[in-house]
C-alpha cells in the first residue's frame, strides 16, 4: 500500500514538473546518445616555436588556439581550395548580382528575428502532449508535416506544365 502511494506521488510530481516549465525552448526532436562520441576527440596540431612572440595573436576567452584542429580548413587545403574562404563574412564580390536580383522587390529588415520568433511560437504550440514530453518522444516530423512540400504532387504539377524535371525518390507510402 505504501509503495503504491509513493509511486502515485512520484508520478504526480513528474506531471507537475513537466507542466511547470512553459518558458523553456521546445525540443521537438529528442536525440540523445548514451555512448561516447569517438569523433569528438581530435588530436591537436604539433606545437611550434614562433619566430617572433610579438606576432602571436592576443588570447581571447573561447577563441581559437594555433594548435586547435581545423578539419574543415585542412580538407579544403588538401583539395586545393582556399581555407580562408571558410572564414569570410559578408557577401563575396561574385555574388553581388545574385544578391541584387534576389532583393529586387525589396527586403524586410529583421526578417531572421521575425521568423525565429514565429518558429518558436509554432514549436511551443506543437511541443507534443504531456506523455510525449515526459518520455522524450520525437514530435518533430509530425509537427512540421503540414508545412512540408509533397514532392510527388509538385513533380506532377511541373510535368503537367511542360517543364522537364528529374524524377523524385520513390514514395514509401506507395510501395
C-alpha atoms as a PDB file:
ATOM      1  CA  UNK A   1       0.000   0.000   0.000  1.00  0.00           C
ATOM      2  CA  UNK A   2       2.815   2.359   0.931  1.00  0.00           C
ATOM      3  CA  UNK A   3       4.701   1.608  -2.321  1.00  0.00           C
ATOM      4  CA  UNK A   4       1.597   2.416  -4.371  1.00  0.00           C
ATOM      5  CA  UNK A   5       1.186   5.796  -2.695  1.00  0.00           C
ATOM      6  CA  UNK A   6       4.861   6.596  -3.225  1.00  0.00           C
ATOM      7  CA  UNK A   7       4.619   5.702  -6.910  1.00  0.00           C
ATOM      8  CA  UNK A   8       1.488   7.835  -7.327  1.00  0.00           C
ATOM      9  CA  UNK A   9       3.166  10.775  -5.558  1.00  0.00           C
ATOM     10  CA  UNK A  10       6.250  10.450  -7.789  1.00  0.00           C
ATOM     11  CA  UNK A  11       4.065  10.350 -10.908  1.00  0.00           C
ATOM     12  CA  UNK A  12       2.115  13.419  -9.778  1.00  0.00           C
ATOM     13  CA  UNK A  13       5.324  15.330  -9.071  1.00  0.00           C
ATOM     14  CA  UNK A  14       6.646  14.328 -12.503  1.00  0.00           C
ATOM     15  CA  UNK A  15       3.487  15.621 -14.153  1.00  0.00           C
ATOM     16  CA  UNK A  16       3.732  18.904 -12.292  1.00  0.00           C
ATOM     17  CA  UNK A  17       7.376  19.294 -13.254  1.00  0.00           C
ATOM     18  CA  UNK A  18       6.553  18.682 -16.915  1.00  0.00           C
ATOM     19  CA  UNK A  19       3.827  21.323 -16.881  1.00  0.00           C
ATOM     20  CA  UNK A  20       5.759  23.911 -14.883  1.00  0.00           C
ATOM     21  CA  UNK A  21       8.464  24.900 -17.380  1.00  0.00           C
ATOM     22  CA  UNK A  22       6.488  26.850 -20.000  1.00  0.00           C
ATOM     23  CA  UNK A  23       9.292  29.293 -20.856  1.00  0.00           C
ATOM     24  CA  UNK A  24      11.721  26.604 -21.945  1.00  0.00           C
ATOM     25  CA  UNK A  25      12.848  26.078 -25.530  1.00  0.00           C
ATOM     26  CA  UNK A  26      10.652  23.352 -27.092  1.00  0.00           C
ATOM     27  CA  UNK A  27      12.539  20.179 -28.013  1.00  0.00           C
ATOM     28  CA  UNK A  28      10.673  18.549 -30.877  1.00  0.00           C
ATOM     29  CA  UNK A  29      13.485  16.226 -31.935  1.00  0.00           C
ATOM     30  CA  UNK A  30      14.892  14.359 -28.940  1.00  0.00           C
ATOM     31  CA  UNK A  31      18.087  12.627 -29.938  1.00  0.00           C
ATOM     32  CA  UNK A  32      20.457  11.693 -27.173  1.00  0.00           C
ATOM     33  CA  UNK A  33      23.464   9.437 -27.312  1.00  0.00           C
ATOM     34  CA  UNK A  34      24.386   7.389 -24.284  1.00  0.00           C
ATOM     35  CA  UNK A  35      27.701   6.304 -25.757  1.00  0.00           C
ATOM     36  CA  UNK A  36      30.808   8.482 -26.040  1.00  0.00           C
ATOM     37  CA  UNK A  37      31.381  10.214 -29.357  1.00  0.00           C
ATOM     38  CA  UNK A  38      34.737   8.993 -30.599  1.00  0.00           C
ATOM     39  CA  UNK A  39      34.729  11.633 -33.337  1.00  0.00           C
ATOM     40  CA  UNK A  40      34.601  14.484 -30.798  1.00  0.00           C
ATOM     41  CA  UNK A  41      38.202  13.809 -29.775  1.00  0.00           C
ATOM     42  CA  UNK A  42      40.629  15.222 -32.314  1.00  0.00           C
ATOM     43  CA  UNK A  43      44.385  15.339 -31.954  1.00  0.00           C
ATOM     44  CA  UNK A  44      45.938  18.787 -31.746  1.00  0.00           C
ATOM     45  CA  UNK A  45      48.465  20.052 -34.227  1.00  0.00           C
ATOM     46  CA  UNK A  46      52.112  19.846 -33.160  1.00  0.00           C
ATOM     47  CA  UNK A  47      53.486  22.722 -31.077  1.00  0.00           C
ATOM     48  CA  UNK A  48      55.791  25.085 -32.924  1.00  0.00           C
ATOM     49  CA  UNK A  49      58.270  27.691 -31.750  1.00  0.00           C
ATOM     50  CA  UNK A  50      57.143  31.064 -33.151  1.00  0.00           C
ATOM     51  CA  UNK A  51      59.745  33.171 -34.937  1.00  0.00           C
ATOM     52  CA  UNK A  52      58.530  36.258 -33.091  1.00  0.00           C
ATOM     53  CA  UNK A  53      56.453  36.205 -29.903  1.00  0.00           C
ATOM     54  CA  UNK A  54      55.023  39.633 -30.727  1.00  0.00           C
ATOM     55  CA  UNK A  55      53.309  38.173 -33.810  1.00  0.00           C
ATOM     56  CA  UNK A  56      51.210  35.776 -31.723  1.00  0.00           C
ATOM     57  CA  UNK A  57      47.506  36.636 -31.580  1.00  0.00           C
ATOM     58  CA  UNK A  58      46.033  38.095 -28.414  1.00  0.00           C
ATOM     59  CA  UNK A  59      44.488  35.303 -26.319  1.00  0.00           C
ATOM     60  CA  UNK A  60      40.711  35.583 -26.119  1.00  0.00           C
ATOM     61  CA  UNK A  61      38.347  33.501 -23.976  1.00  0.00           C
ATOM     62  CA  UNK A  62      36.639  30.968 -26.210  1.00  0.00           C
ATOM     63  CA  UNK A  63      38.909  31.911 -29.113  1.00  0.00           C
ATOM     64  CA  UNK A  64      40.895  29.550 -31.275  1.00  0.00           C
ATOM     65  CA  UNK A  65      44.328  28.290 -30.406  1.00  0.00           C
ATOM     66  CA  UNK A  66      47.057  27.910 -33.037  1.00  0.00           C
ATOM     67  CA  UNK A  67      47.230  24.150 -32.347  1.00  0.00           C
ATOM     68  CA  UNK A  68      43.453  23.577 -32.372  1.00  0.00           C
ATOM     69  CA  UNK A  69      42.349  21.091 -35.024  1.00  0.00           C
ATOM     70  CA  UNK A  70      40.747  22.644 -38.095  1.00  0.00           C
ATOM     71  CA  UNK A  71      39.444  19.658 -40.065  1.00  0.00           C
ATOM     72  CA  UNK A  72      37.289  21.680 -42.479  1.00  0.00           C
ATOM     73  CA  UNK A  73      40.074  24.102 -43.349  1.00  0.00           C
ATOM     74  CA  UNK A  74      42.565  21.242 -43.670  1.00  0.00           C
ATOM     75  CA  UNK A  75      40.249  19.361 -46.028  1.00  0.00           C
ATOM     76  CA  UNK A  76      39.767  22.448 -48.209  1.00  0.00           C
ATOM     77  CA  UNK A  77      43.531  22.987 -48.363  1.00  0.00           C
ATOM     78  CA  UNK A  78      44.212  19.338 -49.278  1.00  0.00           C
ATOM     79  CA  UNK A  79      41.648  19.553 -52.088  1.00  0.00           C
ATOM     80  CA  UNK A  80      43.371  22.672 -53.475  1.00  0.00           C
ATOM     81  CA  UNK A  81      40.966  25.298 -52.181  1.00  0.00           C
ATOM     82  CA  UNK A  82      41.461  28.405 -50.110  1.00  0.00           C
ATOM     83  CA  UNK A  83      40.843  27.691 -46.393  1.00  0.00           C
ATOM     84  CA  UNK A  84      40.466  31.427 -45.720  1.00  0.00           C
ATOM     85  CA  UNK A  85      37.270  31.366 -47.804  1.00  0.00           C
ATOM     86  CA  UNK A  86      35.540  29.466 -44.986  1.00  0.00           C
ATOM     87  CA  UNK A  87      36.103  32.357 -42.559  1.00  0.00           C
ATOM     88  CA  UNK A  88      34.861  35.131 -44.847  1.00  0.00           C
ATOM     89  CA  UNK A  89      31.956  37.247 -43.731  1.00  0.00           C
ATOM     90  CA  UNK A  90      29.719  39.397 -45.855  1.00  0.00           C
ATOM     91  CA  UNK A  91      28.841  38.877 -49.488  1.00  0.00           C
ATOM     92  CA  UNK A  92      31.594  37.776 -51.885  1.00  0.00           C
ATOM     93  CA  UNK A  93      32.104  40.054 -54.881  1.00  0.00           C
ATOM     94  CA  UNK A  94      30.962  37.340 -57.278  1.00  0.00           C
ATOM     95  CA  UNK A  95      27.570  37.087 -55.557  1.00  0.00           C
ATOM     96  CA  UNK A  96      26.649  40.770 -55.812  1.00  0.00           C
ATOM     97  CA  UNK A  97      24.480  40.212 -58.899  1.00  0.00           C
ATOM     98  CA  UNK A  98      22.613  37.345 -57.264  1.00  0.00           C
ATOM     99  CA  UNK A  99      22.017  39.412 -54.139  1.00  0.00           C
ATOM    100  CA  UNK A 100      20.700  42.393 -56.074  1.00  0.00           C
ATOM    101  CA  UNK A 101      18.397  40.156 -58.148  1.00  0.00           C
ATOM    102  CA  UNK A 102      17.052  38.408 -55.036  1.00  0.00           C
ATOM    103  CA  UNK A 103      16.320  41.771 -53.401  1.00  0.00           C
ATOM    104  CA  UNK A 104      14.821  43.455 -56.459  1.00  0.00           C
ATOM    105  CA  UNK A 105      11.375  43.701 -54.841  1.00  0.00           C
ATOM    106  CA  UNK A 106      12.794  44.887 -51.527  1.00  0.00           C
ATOM    107  CA  UNK A 107      13.877  43.141 -48.377  1.00  0.00           C
ATOM    108  CA  UNK A 108      12.312  43.039 -44.954  1.00  0.00           C
ATOM    109  CA  UNK A 109      14.755  44.228 -42.307  1.00  0.00           C
ATOM    110  CA  UNK A 110      14.926  41.919 -39.318  1.00  0.00           C
ATOM    111  CA  UNK A 111      13.282  39.002 -41.160  1.00  0.00           C
ATOM    112  CA  UNK A 112      15.519  36.443 -39.435  1.00  0.00           C
ATOM    113  CA  UNK A 113      14.438  37.558 -35.949  1.00  0.00           C
ATOM    114  CA  UNK A 114      10.804  37.679 -37.068  1.00  0.00           C
ATOM    115  CA  UNK A 115      10.946  34.144 -38.499  1.00  0.00           C
ATOM    116  CA  UNK A 116      12.793  32.824 -35.442  1.00  0.00           C
ATOM    117  CA  UNK A 117      10.088  34.237 -33.140  1.00  0.00           C
ATOM    118  CA  UNK A 118       7.312  32.779 -35.317  1.00  0.00           C
ATOM    119  CA  UNK A 119       9.028  29.382 -35.392  1.00  0.00           C
ATOM    120  CA  UNK A 120       9.496  29.412 -31.612  1.00  0.00           C
ATOM    121  CA  UNK A 121       5.785  30.108 -31.146  1.00  0.00           C
ATOM    122  CA  UNK A 122       4.923  27.338 -33.643  1.00  0.00           C
ATOM    123  CA  UNK A 123       7.183  24.878 -31.806  1.00  0.00           C
ATOM    124  CA  UNK A 124       5.599  25.817 -28.477  1.00  0.00           C
ATOM    125  CA  UNK A 125       2.131  25.105 -29.894  1.00  0.00           C
ATOM    126  CA  UNK A 126       3.306  21.754 -31.333  1.00  0.00           C
ATOM    127  CA  UNK A 127       5.509  20.646 -28.458  1.00  0.00           C
ATOM    128  CA  UNK A 128       3.645  17.387 -28.049  1.00  0.00           C
ATOM    129  CA  UNK A 129       1.299  16.024 -25.485  1.00  0.00           C
ATOM    130  CA  UNK A 130       2.186  15.632 -21.847  1.00  0.00           C
ATOM    131  CA  UNK A 131       3.212  11.981 -22.072  1.00  0.00           C
ATOM    132  CA  UNK A 132       5.290  12.687 -25.196  1.00  0.00           C
ATOM    133  CA  UNK A 133       7.190  15.377 -23.302  1.00  0.00           C
ATOM    134  CA  UNK A 134       7.651  13.129 -20.262  1.00  0.00           C
ATOM    135  CA  UNK A 135       9.081  10.260 -22.316  1.00  0.00           C
ATOM    136  CA  UNK A 136      11.013  12.423 -24.838  1.00  0.00           C
ATOM    137  CA  UNK A 137       9.070  11.213 -27.861  1.00  0.00           C
ATOM    138  CA  UNK A 138      10.087  12.813 -31.168  1.00  0.00           C
ATOM    139  CA  UNK A 139       7.285  15.043 -32.422  1.00  0.00           C
ATOM    140  CA  UNK A 140       9.387  16.979 -34.952  1.00  0.00           C
ATOM    141  CA  UNK A 141       8.204  15.243 -38.115  1.00  0.00           C
ATOM    142  CA  UNK A 142       4.548  15.253 -37.067  1.00  0.00           C
ATOM    143  CA  UNK A 143       4.741  18.948 -36.077  1.00  0.00           C
ATOM    144  CA  UNK A 144       6.241  20.121 -39.383  1.00  0.00           C
ATOM    145  CA  UNK A 145       4.297  17.756 -41.678  1.00  0.00           C
ATOM    146  CA  UNK A 146       1.621  20.385 -42.524  1.00  0.00           C
ATOM    147  CA  UNK A 147       4.404  22.742 -43.647  1.00  0.00           C
ATOM    148  CA  UNK A 148       6.295  20.240 -45.786  1.00  0.00           C
ATOM    149  CA  UNK A 149       6.132  20.109 -49.564  1.00  0.00           C
ATOM    150  CA  UNK A 150       4.718  16.977 -51.187  1.00  0.00           C
ATOM    151  CA  UNK A 151       7.445  16.287 -53.719  1.00  0.00           C
ATOM    152  CA  UNK A 152       5.348  13.937 -55.822  1.00  0.00           C
ATOM    153  CA  UNK A 153       2.442  16.377 -56.195  1.00  0.00           C
ATOM    154  CA  UNK A 154       4.893  19.156 -57.135  1.00  0.00           C
ATOM    155  CA  UNK A 155       6.669  16.879 -59.604  1.00  0.00           C
ATOM    156  CA  UNK A 156       3.384  16.081 -61.328  1.00  0.00           C
ATOM    157  CA  UNK A 157       2.348  19.758 -61.336  1.00  0.00           C
ATOM    158  CA  UNK A 158       5.569  20.816 -63.058  1.00  0.00           C
ATOM    159  CA  UNK A 159       5.326  17.953 -65.551  1.00  0.00           C
ATOM    160  CA  UNK A 160       1.749  18.960 -66.403  1.00  0.00           C
ATOM    161  CA  UNK A 161       3.066  22.474 -67.053  1.00  0.00           C
ATOM    162  CA  UNK A 162       5.503  21.021 -69.590  1.00  0.00           C
ATOM    163  CA  UNK A 163       8.676  21.561 -67.578  1.00  0.00           C
ATOM    164  CA  UNK A 164      11.273  18.825 -67.893  1.00  0.00           C
ATOM    165  CA  UNK A 165      12.020  17.583 -64.400  1.00  0.00           C
ATOM    166  CA  UNK A 166      14.150  14.817 -62.924  1.00  0.00           C
ATOM    167  CA  UNK A 167      12.398  12.037 -61.100  1.00  0.00           C
ATOM    168  CA  UNK A 168      11.660  12.196 -57.399  1.00  0.00           C
ATOM    169  CA  UNK A 169      12.668   9.479 -54.956  1.00  0.00           C
ATOM    170  CA  UNK A 170      10.125   6.671 -54.649  1.00  0.00           C
ATOM    171  CA  UNK A 171       7.233   7.296 -52.289  1.00  0.00           C
ATOM    172  CA  UNK A 172       7.446   4.792 -49.411  1.00  0.00           C
ATOM    173  CA  UNK A 173       3.657   5.024 -48.864  1.00  0.00           C
ATOM    174  CA  UNK A 174       3.025   3.662 -52.368  1.00  0.00           C
ATOM    175  CA  UNK A 175       5.354   0.681 -52.058  1.00  0.00           C
END
